[in-house]
Amino acid sequence: MIEARHARGKPMKIKNSLKTLKLRHRENRLVRRKGRIYIINKLNPRYKARQG
């Protein structure tokens, strides 16, 4: 698994498939921004992930 640095310096996971990461927490949201797919979680930001 590769980690990328987000703008605030917190690690974000880069995965080929986000389906399992979405199911890890009930507050996870799947968001499309600028052609990329993100998993965001406002309650627990460590669940951030990106695809593409």
N, C-alpha and C. Protein backbone atom coordinates (compact mmCIF):
# COMPACT_ATOMS: atom_id res chain seq x y z
N MET A 1 0.83 -1.17 0.00
CA MET A 1 0.00 0.00 0.00
C MET A 1 0.89 1.24 0.00
N ILE A 2 0.55 2.17 -0.86
CA ILE A 2 1.31 3.42 -0.99
C ILE A 2 0.61 4.50 -0.19
N GLU A 3 1.37 5.35 0.46
CA GLU A 3 0.79 6.47 1.17
C GLU A 3 1.22 7.78 0.53
N ALA A 4 0.27 8.66 0.34
CA ALA A 4 0.57 9.98 -0.21
C ALA A 4 0.33 11.01 0.88
N ARG A 5 1.07 12.09 0.83
CA ARG A 5 0.89 13.15 1.81
C ARG A 5 -0.21 14.08 1.35
N HIS A 6 -1.17 14.33 2.22
CA HIS A 6 -2.24 15.26 1.94
C HIS A 6 -1.73 16.67 2.23
N ALA A 7 -2.50 17.67 1.90
CA ALA A 7 -2.07 19.06 2.05
C ALA A 7 -1.70 19.39 3.50
N ARG A 8 -2.36 18.76 4.45
CA ARG A 8 -2.08 19.04 5.85
C ARG A 8 -1.01 18.12 6.43
N GLY A 9 -0.44 17.24 5.60
CA GLY A 9 0.64 16.38 6.07
C GLY A 9 0.17 15.06 6.65
N LYS A 10 -1.12 14.78 6.62
CA LYS A 10 -1.62 13.51 7.14
C LYS A 10 -1.64 12.48 6.01
N PRO A 11 -1.28 11.25 6.30
CA PRO A 11 -1.21 10.25 5.21
C PRO A 11 -2.59 9.88 4.67
N MET A 12 -2.63 9.63 3.38
CA MET A 12 -3.85 9.18 2.72
C MET A 12 -3.52 7.91 1.95
N LYS A 13 -4.35 6.89 2.10
CA LYS A 13 -4.09 5.64 1.43
C LYS A 13 -4.52 5.72 -0.03
N ILE A 14 -3.70 5.17 -0.91
CA ILE A 14 -4.03 5.09 -2.32
C ILE A 14 -4.27 3.61 -2.64
N LYS A 15 -5.49 3.28 -3.04
CA LYS A 15 -5.86 1.89 -3.23
C LYS A 15 -6.44 1.68 -4.63
N ASN A 16 -6.37 0.43 -5.10
CA ASN A 16 -6.97 0.07 -6.39
C ASN A 16 -8.49 -0.06 -6.26
N SER A 17 -8.96 -0.50 -5.11
CA SER A 17 -10.39 -0.67 -4.90
C SER A 17 -10.78 -0.06 -3.57
N LEU A 18 -11.84 0.73 -3.54
CA LEU A 18 -12.24 1.42 -2.33
C LEU A 18 -13.47 0.80 -1.67
N LYS A 19 -14.01 -0.27 -2.25
CA LYS A 19 -15.24 -0.84 -1.73
C LYS A 19 -15.08 -1.33 -0.29
N THR A 20 -13.98 -2.01 0.01
CA THR A 20 -13.78 -2.51 1.37
C THR A 20 -13.48 -1.38 2.33
N LEU A 21 -12.78 -0.35 1.86
CA LEU A 21 -12.47 0.77 2.75
C LEU A 21 -13.73 1.56 3.10
N LYS A 22 -14.69 1.59 2.19
CA LYS A 22 -15.94 2.30 2.48
C LYS A 22 -16.71 1.61 3.59
N LEU A 23 -16.60 0.30 3.67
CA LEU A 23 -17.36 -0.46 4.67
C LEU A 23 -16.68 -0.52 6.03
N ARG A 24 -15.50 0.07 6.18
CA ARG A 24 -14.77 0.00 7.44
C ARG A 24 -15.43 0.81 8.55
N HIS A 25 -16.15 1.87 8.18
CA HIS A 25 -16.77 2.75 9.17
C HIS A 25 -18.07 3.26 8.59
N ARG A 26 -19.08 3.41 9.43
CA ARG A 26 -20.40 3.80 8.88
C ARG A 26 -20.47 5.25 8.45
N GLU A 27 -19.51 6.07 8.87
CA GLU A 27 -19.49 7.48 8.48
C GLU A 27 -18.70 7.74 7.20
N ASN A 28 -18.09 6.71 6.61
CA ASN A 28 -17.31 6.90 5.38
C ASN A 28 -18.21 7.31 4.23
N ARG A 29 -17.75 8.30 3.47
CA ARG A 29 -18.50 8.78 2.31
C ARG A 29 -17.63 8.66 1.06
N LEU A 30 -18.24 8.25 -0.04
CA LEU A 30 -17.54 8.14 -1.30
C LEU A 30 -17.81 9.42 -2.09
N VAL A 31 -16.75 10.12 -2.50
CA VAL A 31 -16.88 11.43 -3.16
C VAL A 31 -16.04 11.44 -4.42
N ARG A 32 -16.58 12.00 -5.51
CA ARG A 32 -15.82 12.18 -6.75
C ARG A 32 -15.40 13.63 -6.86
N ARG A 33 -14.08 13.84 -7.03
CA ARG A 33 -13.57 15.20 -7.22
C ARG A 33 -12.48 15.17 -8.26
N LYS A 34 -12.64 15.99 -9.29
CA LYS A 34 -11.63 16.15 -10.34
C LYS A 34 -11.19 14.82 -10.94
N GLY A 35 -12.15 13.93 -11.18
CA GLY A 35 -11.84 12.65 -11.81
C GLY A 35 -11.25 11.61 -10.88
N ARG A 36 -11.13 11.91 -9.61
CA ARG A 36 -10.62 10.95 -8.64
C ARG A 36 -11.72 10.59 -7.66
N ILE A 37 -11.61 9.42 -7.09
CA ILE A 37 -12.60 8.96 -6.13
C ILE A 37 -11.95 8.96 -4.75
N TYR A 38 -12.62 9.58 -3.79
CA TYR A 38 -12.09 9.70 -2.44
C TYR A 38 -13.05 9.06 -1.44
N ILE A 39 -12.49 8.52 -0.38
CA ILE A 39 -13.26 8.13 0.80
C ILE A 39 -12.93 9.16 1.87
N ILE A 40 -13.95 9.83 2.39
CA ILE A 40 -13.70 10.81 3.45
C ILE A 40 -14.54 10.43 4.66
N ASN A 41 -14.04 10.81 5.83
CA ASN A 41 -14.73 10.54 7.07
C ASN A 41 -14.48 11.74 7.99
N LYS A 42 -15.51 12.51 8.25
CA LYS A 42 -15.35 13.73 9.04
C LYS A 42 -15.16 13.44 10.52
N LEU A 43 -15.70 12.32 11.00
CA LEU A 43 -15.55 11.99 12.42
C LEU A 43 -14.17 11.41 12.72
N ASN A 44 -13.63 10.62 11.78
CA ASN A 44 -12.34 9.98 11.99
C ASN A 44 -11.50 10.12 10.73
N PRO A 45 -10.73 11.21 10.58
CA PRO A 45 -10.02 11.50 9.33
C PRO A 45 -8.96 10.48 8.94
N ARG A 46 -8.61 9.53 9.80
CA ARG A 46 -7.59 8.56 9.41
C ARG A 46 -8.10 7.56 8.39
N TYR A 47 -9.39 7.56 8.10
CA TYR A 47 -9.96 6.66 7.11
C TYR A 47 -9.95 7.25 5.69
N LYS A 48 -9.18 8.32 5.47
CA LYS A 48 -9.14 8.92 4.13
C LYS A 48 -8.46 7.96 3.15
N ALA A 49 -8.97 7.96 1.90
CA ALA A 49 -8.36 7.14 0.86
C ALA A 49 -8.68 7.76 -0.48
N ARG A 50 -7.87 7.39 -1.48
CA ARG A 50 -8.02 7.95 -2.83
C ARG A 50 -7.83 6.85 -3.84
N GLN A 51 -8.56 6.93 -4.94
CA GLN A 51 -8.37 6.02 -6.07
C GLN A 51 -8.26 6.86 -7.34
N GLY A 52 -7.25 6.55 -8.16
CA GLY A 52 -7.06 7.24 -9.43
C GLY A 52 -6.16 8.44 -9.36
